[in-house]
Amino acid sequence: MRVAFTEAGGVDYLLWVARKEPKVFCALLAKLLGAPAPGGEPEPLLLAIAQLSDDQLHARTTRALAERNGAF
């Protein structure tokens, strides 16, 4: 799995997906974070993300990446 991740571009690829396809990136995050336990409540963060429009997801992802890279 690690080799496939590296060959696909690793962190740089994930950042590219976050910038270009924020909805796909958020879907991937949701899978990585996991579903709630049976009978449990969904994570509040996932509920909030699911309610954002594509434009809102893009804006928030862009800002988060800029903050990570010291642009803000």
N, C-alpha and C. Protein backbone atom coordinates (compact mmCIF):
# COMPACT_ATOMS: atom_id res chain seq x y z
N MET A 1 0.83 -1.19 0.00
CA MET A 1 0.00 0.00 0.00
C MET A 1 0.87 1.25 0.00
N ARG A 2 1.92 1.25 0.83
CA ARG A 2 2.79 2.41 0.91
C ARG A 2 3.48 2.68 -0.43
N VAL A 3 3.88 1.61 -1.13
CA VAL A 3 4.53 1.77 -2.43
C VAL A 3 3.55 2.40 -3.43
N ALA A 4 2.31 1.94 -3.43
CA ALA A 4 1.31 2.49 -4.33
C ALA A 4 1.08 3.98 -4.03
N PHE A 5 1.00 4.32 -2.76
CA PHE A 5 0.82 5.72 -2.37
C PHE A 5 1.98 6.57 -2.88
N THR A 6 3.19 6.08 -2.69
CA THR A 6 4.38 6.82 -3.13
C THR A 6 4.41 6.95 -4.65
N GLU A 7 4.14 5.85 -5.33
CA GLU A 7 4.16 5.86 -6.80
C GLU A 7 3.10 6.78 -7.38
N ALA A 8 1.97 6.93 -6.68
CA ALA A 8 0.89 7.80 -7.15
C ALA A 8 1.18 9.28 -6.89
N GLY A 9 2.23 9.56 -6.15
CA GLY A 9 2.57 10.96 -5.89
C GLY A 9 2.54 11.32 -4.42
N GLY A 10 2.10 10.40 -3.57
CA GLY A 10 2.14 10.63 -2.13
C GLY A 10 1.37 11.86 -1.69
N VAL A 11 1.99 12.60 -0.79
CA VAL A 11 1.36 13.79 -0.22
C VAL A 11 1.07 14.83 -1.30
N ASP A 12 1.99 14.98 -2.25
CA ASP A 12 1.76 15.96 -3.33
C ASP A 12 0.49 15.64 -4.10
N TYR A 13 0.25 14.35 -4.34
CA TYR A 13 -0.98 13.96 -5.04
C TYR A 13 -2.21 14.31 -4.21
N LEU A 14 -2.17 14.01 -2.91
CA LEU A 14 -3.31 14.33 -2.06
C LEU A 14 -3.58 15.84 -2.03
N LEU A 15 -2.52 16.64 -2.00
CA LEU A 15 -2.70 18.09 -2.04
C LEU A 15 -3.31 18.54 -3.36
N TRP A 16 -2.88 17.90 -4.44
CA TRP A 16 -3.45 18.22 -5.76
C TRP A 16 -4.95 17.91 -5.77
N VAL A 17 -5.32 16.73 -5.25
CA VAL A 17 -6.73 16.35 -5.20
C VAL A 17 -7.51 17.36 -4.34
N ALA A 18 -6.95 17.75 -3.21
CA ALA A 18 -7.62 18.71 -2.33
C ALA A 18 -7.87 20.02 -3.05
N ARG A 19 -6.92 20.46 -3.85
CA ARG A 19 -7.07 21.74 -4.57
C ARG A 19 -8.02 21.63 -5.75
N LYS A 20 -7.88 20.57 -6.52
CA LYS A 20 -8.62 20.45 -7.78
C LYS A 20 -9.98 19.78 -7.64
N GLU A 21 -10.12 18.90 -6.67
CA GLU A 21 -11.35 18.13 -6.49
C GLU A 21 -11.70 18.04 -5.00
N PRO A 22 -12.08 19.18 -4.40
CA PRO A 22 -12.32 19.17 -2.95
C PRO A 22 -13.41 18.19 -2.52
N LYS A 23 -14.41 17.98 -3.37
CA LYS A 23 -15.47 17.04 -3.00
C LYS A 23 -14.91 15.61 -2.92
N VAL A 24 -14.07 15.25 -3.87
CA VAL A 24 -13.43 13.93 -3.86
C VAL A 24 -12.53 13.80 -2.64
N PHE A 25 -11.77 14.86 -2.35
CA PHE A 25 -10.87 14.85 -1.20
C PHE A 25 -11.65 14.64 0.09
N CYS A 26 -12.76 15.34 0.23
CA CYS A 26 -13.57 15.20 1.45
C CYS A 26 -14.20 13.81 1.54
N ALA A 27 -14.60 13.24 0.39
CA ALA A 27 -15.12 11.88 0.41
C ALA A 27 -14.04 10.90 0.87
N LEU A 28 -12.82 11.11 0.41
CA LEU A 28 -11.71 10.28 0.84
C LEU A 28 -11.47 10.42 2.34
N LEU A 29 -11.51 11.64 2.83
CA LEU A 29 -11.35 11.86 4.27
C LEU A 29 -12.43 11.14 5.06
N ALA A 30 -13.66 11.20 4.55
CA ALA A 30 -14.76 10.54 5.24
C ALA A 30 -14.51 9.04 5.34
N LYS A 31 -13.98 8.46 4.28
CA LYS A 31 -13.68 7.02 4.31
C LYS A 31 -12.55 6.72 5.27
N LEU A 32 -11.56 7.58 5.28
CA LEU A 32 -10.43 7.36 6.18
C LEU A 32 -10.82 7.53 7.64
N LEU A 33 -11.71 8.48 7.91
CA LEU A 33 -12.15 8.71 9.28
C LEU A 33 -13.08 7.61 9.76
N GLY A 34 -13.73 6.96 8.84
CA GLY A 34 -14.61 5.85 9.18
C GLY A 34 -16.03 6.26 9.46
N ALA A 35 -16.88 5.30 9.36
CA ALA A 35 -18.31 5.50 9.61
C ALA A 35 -18.56 5.37 11.11
N PRO A 36 -19.66 5.92 11.57
CA PRO A 36 -19.99 5.77 12.99
C PRO A 36 -20.26 4.30 13.32
N ALA A 37 -20.07 3.97 14.56
CA ALA A 37 -20.40 2.62 15.02
C ALA A 37 -21.90 2.41 14.87
N PRO A 38 -22.33 1.17 14.67
CA PRO A 38 -23.78 0.92 14.56
C PRO A 38 -24.51 1.52 15.75
N GLY A 39 -25.53 2.30 15.45
CA GLY A 39 -26.31 2.96 16.50
C GLY A 39 -25.66 4.22 17.02
N GLY A 40 -24.45 4.54 16.54
CA GLY A 40 -23.75 5.74 16.98
C GLY A 40 -24.09 6.95 16.12
N GLU A 41 -23.68 8.06 16.58
CA GLU A 41 -23.91 9.31 15.86
C GLU A 41 -22.76 9.56 14.89
N PRO A 42 -23.05 10.10 13.70
CA PRO A 42 -21.97 10.48 12.78
C PRO A 42 -21.12 11.59 13.39
N GLU A 43 -19.88 11.66 12.97
CA GLU A 43 -18.97 12.70 13.44
C GLU A 43 -19.54 14.07 13.04
N PRO A 44 -19.56 15.05 13.95
CA PRO A 44 -20.05 16.38 13.61
C PRO A 44 -19.29 17.00 12.44
N LEU A 45 -17.99 16.76 12.36
CA LEU A 45 -17.21 17.31 11.24
C LEU A 45 -17.71 16.77 9.91
N LEU A 46 -17.97 15.48 9.85
CA LEU A 46 -18.47 14.89 8.61
C LEU A 46 -19.84 15.43 8.25
N LEU A 47 -20.69 15.63 9.23
CA LEU A 47 -22.01 16.20 8.96
C LEU A 47 -21.87 17.62 8.40
N ALA A 48 -20.96 18.39 8.97
CA ALA A 48 -20.75 19.76 8.51
C ALA A 48 -20.20 19.79 7.09
N ILE A 49 -19.23 18.92 6.80
CA ILE A 49 -18.64 18.86 5.46
C ILE A 49 -19.70 18.48 4.43
N ALA A 50 -20.55 17.53 4.77
CA ALA A 50 -21.56 17.05 3.83
C ALA A 50 -22.56 18.14 3.46
N GLN A 51 -22.70 19.15 4.29
CA GLN A 51 -23.67 20.21 4.03
C GLN A 51 -23.09 21.38 3.23
N LEU A 52 -21.78 21.36 2.96
CA LEU A 52 -21.15 22.46 2.22
C LEU A 52 -21.33 22.27 0.72
N SER A 53 -21.44 23.38 0.00
CA SER A 53 -21.49 23.32 -1.45
C SER A 53 -20.08 23.07 -2.00
N ASP A 54 -19.99 22.74 -3.27
CA ASP A 54 -18.68 22.55 -3.88
C ASP A 54 -17.83 23.81 -3.75
N ASP A 55 -18.43 24.98 -3.97
CA ASP A 55 -17.69 26.24 -3.86
C ASP A 55 -17.18 26.46 -2.43
N GLN A 56 -18.01 26.15 -1.46
CA GLN A 56 -17.60 26.31 -0.06
C GLN A 56 -16.47 25.33 0.28
N LEU A 57 -16.59 24.08 -0.19
CA LEU A 57 -15.52 23.11 0.04
C LEU A 57 -14.22 23.57 -0.59
N HIS A 58 -14.32 24.09 -1.80
CA HIS A 58 -13.12 24.57 -2.51
C HIS A 58 -12.48 25.72 -1.75
N ALA A 59 -13.29 26.68 -1.33
CA ALA A 59 -12.76 27.84 -0.61
C ALA A 59 -12.09 27.43 0.70
N ARG A 60 -12.72 26.54 1.44
CA ARG A 60 -12.15 26.12 2.72
C ARG A 60 -10.88 25.29 2.53
N THR A 61 -10.88 24.44 1.52
CA THR A 61 -9.69 23.64 1.24
C THR A 61 -8.54 24.53 0.81
N THR A 62 -8.82 25.49 -0.06
CA THR A 62 -7.80 26.41 -0.52
C THR A 62 -7.21 27.20 0.64
N ARG A 63 -8.07 27.68 1.52
CA ARG A 63 -7.59 28.44 2.68
C ARG A 63 -6.76 27.56 3.61
N ALA A 64 -7.22 26.35 3.86
CA ALA A 64 -6.48 25.45 4.76
C ALA A 64 -5.10 25.13 4.19
N LEU A 65 -5.04 24.90 2.88
CA LEU A 65 -3.74 24.61 2.26
C LEU A 65 -2.84 25.83 2.31
N ALA A 66 -3.41 27.01 2.10
CA ALA A 66 -2.60 28.23 2.16
C ALA A 66 -2.06 28.45 3.57
N GLU A 67 -2.90 28.22 4.57
CA GLU A 67 -2.47 28.37 5.96
C GLU A 67 -1.36 27.36 6.27
N ARG A 68 -1.51 26.16 5.77
CA ARG A 68 -0.50 25.12 5.99
C ARG A 68 0.83 25.53 5.37
N ASN A 69 0.77 26.21 4.24
CA ASN A 69 1.99 26.61 3.53
C ASN A 69 2.48 28.00 3.95
N GLY A 70 1.86 28.59 4.97
CA GLY A 70 2.30 29.87 5.49
C GLY A 70 1.89 31.09 4.68
N ALA A 71 0.87 30.95 3.82
CA ALA A 71 0.46 32.08 3.01
C ALA A 71 -0.46 33.04 3.75
N PHE A 72 -0.98 32.62 4.91
CA PHE A 72 -1.88 33.50 5.68
C PHE A 72 -1.19 33.94 6.94
